[in-house]
């Protein structure tokens, strides 16, 4: 059933976060986000902090430089799981669809 590609470079790779948001552990494959670099973002949502165990998360910031790459994992998820990940991410992030180093495309949460 899962058919929506979601790229994660942060807490959505954590099994405890996956279980809390999707009710299952996801299987994925390594890939990279091209033209982005990582920065830090303070999170003040107590549910997100409790779920991830972190008050500071990574956030991908567009640079436009193809030499900049952010490693991570591509997961195949359902529409319901995508809605759950939308609810999990705080307002500092927006979801976009973007090309990956592998040549595929995926949804990813980046700096708003």
Protein backbone atom coordinates (compact mmCIF):
# COMPACT_ATOMS: atom_id res chain seq x y z
CA UNK A 1 0.00 0.00 0.00
CA UNK A 2 2.65 2.63 0.89
CA UNK A 3 3.46 4.57 -2.24
CA UNK A 4 4.39 8.14 -1.27
CA UNK A 5 8.15 8.78 -1.07
CA UNK A 6 9.20 10.81 1.98
CA UNK A 7 12.83 11.84 2.49
CA UNK A 8 13.98 12.32 6.07
CA UNK A 9 17.28 13.70 7.33
CA UNK A 10 16.15 14.15 10.93
CA UNK A 11 13.89 12.81 13.65
CA UNK A 12 11.51 10.98 11.29
CA UNK A 13 14.38 8.47 10.93
CA UNK A 14 14.08 7.63 14.66
CA UNK A 15 12.15 4.41 15.37
CA UNK A 16 10.42 5.96 18.41
CA UNK A 17 9.20 8.90 16.30
CA UNK A 18 7.99 6.54 13.58
CA UNK A 19 6.10 4.41 16.10
CA UNK A 20 4.52 7.50 17.68
CA UNK A 21 3.44 9.00 14.35
CA UNK A 22 2.81 5.97 12.12
CA UNK A 23 2.33 3.06 14.50
CA UNK A 24 5.08 1.13 12.72
CA UNK A 25 8.80 1.20 12.01
CA UNK A 26 9.53 2.28 8.44
CA UNK A 27 11.99 0.65 6.07
CA UNK A 28 13.93 2.97 3.81
CA UNK A 29 16.92 3.45 1.58
CA UNK A 30 19.79 5.92 1.76
CA UNK A 31 19.70 8.97 -0.51
CA UNK A 32 20.60 12.65 -0.33
CA UNK A 33 18.90 16.02 -0.71
CA UNK A 34 20.79 18.12 -3.27
CA UNK A 35 21.26 21.90 -3.01
CA UNK A 36 20.58 22.09 0.73
CA UNK A 37 22.61 22.32 3.93
CA UNK A 38 21.58 21.62 7.52
CA UNK A 39 20.93 24.25 10.15
CA UNK A 40 19.46 24.02 13.64
CA UNK A 41 15.97 25.05 14.71
CA UNK A 42 14.66 25.32 18.26
CA UNK A 43 11.40 23.43 18.76
CA UNK A 44 8.93 24.62 21.39
CA UNK A 45 6.10 22.12 20.80
CA UNK A 46 6.09 19.94 23.96
CA UNK A 47 4.61 16.92 22.12
CA UNK A 48 7.32 17.03 19.43
CA UNK A 49 10.03 17.44 22.09
CA UNK A 50 8.62 14.53 24.10
CA UNK A 51 8.33 12.34 21.01
CA UNK A 52 11.78 13.09 19.56
CA UNK A 53 13.64 13.64 22.83
CA UNK A 54 15.15 16.81 21.34
CA UNK A 55 14.40 20.53 21.72
CA UNK A 56 16.70 21.40 18.79
CA UNK A 57 16.12 19.71 15.44
CA UNK A 58 17.91 19.85 12.09
CA UNK A 59 16.34 21.87 9.29
CA UNK A 60 17.32 21.81 5.62
CA UNK A 61 18.02 25.22 4.15
CA UNK A 62 18.14 25.69 0.36
CA UNK A 63 21.49 26.89 -0.98
CA UNK A 64 21.00 26.20 -4.70
CA UNK A 65 24.54 24.77 -4.79
CA UNK A 66 24.50 21.19 -6.12
CA UNK A 67 27.69 20.53 -4.15
CA UNK A 68 25.66 20.93 -0.94
CA UNK A 69 23.98 17.66 0.00
CA UNK A 70 22.10 16.42 3.07
CA UNK A 71 22.22 12.64 3.62
CA UNK A 72 19.11 10.84 4.80
CA UNK A 73 16.60 8.11 4.10
CA UNK A 74 13.70 7.72 1.66
CA UNK A 75 10.67 5.95 3.10
CA UNK A 76 7.54 4.79 1.28
CA UNK A 77 4.49 5.89 3.29
CA UNK A 78 0.72 6.11 2.93
CA UNK A 79 -1.38 9.26 2.52
CA UNK A 80 -2.50 8.87 6.14
CA UNK A 81 1.12 8.68 7.28
CA UNK A 82 1.98 11.77 5.25
CA UNK A 83 -0.84 13.62 7.05
CA UNK A 84 0.56 12.38 10.38
CA UNK A 85 4.04 13.65 9.49
CA UNK A 86 2.53 17.02 8.47
CA UNK A 87 0.94 17.23 11.92
CA UNK A 88 4.24 16.28 13.63
CA UNK A 89 6.38 18.92 11.91
CA UNK A 90 6.40 22.38 13.51
CA UNK A 91 5.71 25.67 11.70
CA UNK A 92 9.42 26.24 10.92
CA UNK A 93 9.10 23.55 8.22
CA UNK A 94 7.22 23.34 4.94
CA UNK A 95 6.77 20.21 2.86
CA UNK A 96 8.04 20.33 -0.72
CA UNK A 97 8.63 17.73 -3.43
CA UNK A 98 12.19 17.80 -4.70
CA UNK A 99 14.72 15.79 -6.71
CA UNK A 100 17.19 13.61 -4.82
CA UNK A 101 20.76 12.55 -5.57
CA UNK A 102 19.49 9.14 -6.78
CA UNK A 103 17.48 10.80 -9.55
CA UNK A 104 14.16 10.11 -7.84
CA UNK A 105 11.89 12.64 -6.18
CA UNK A 106 10.37 12.73 -2.71
CA UNK A 107 8.52 14.94 -0.30
CA UNK A 108 10.78 16.54 2.31
CA UNK A 109 10.36 19.07 5.10
CA UNK A 110 12.61 22.11 4.68
CA UNK A 111 12.92 25.59 6.17
CA UNK A 112 9.71 27.58 5.64
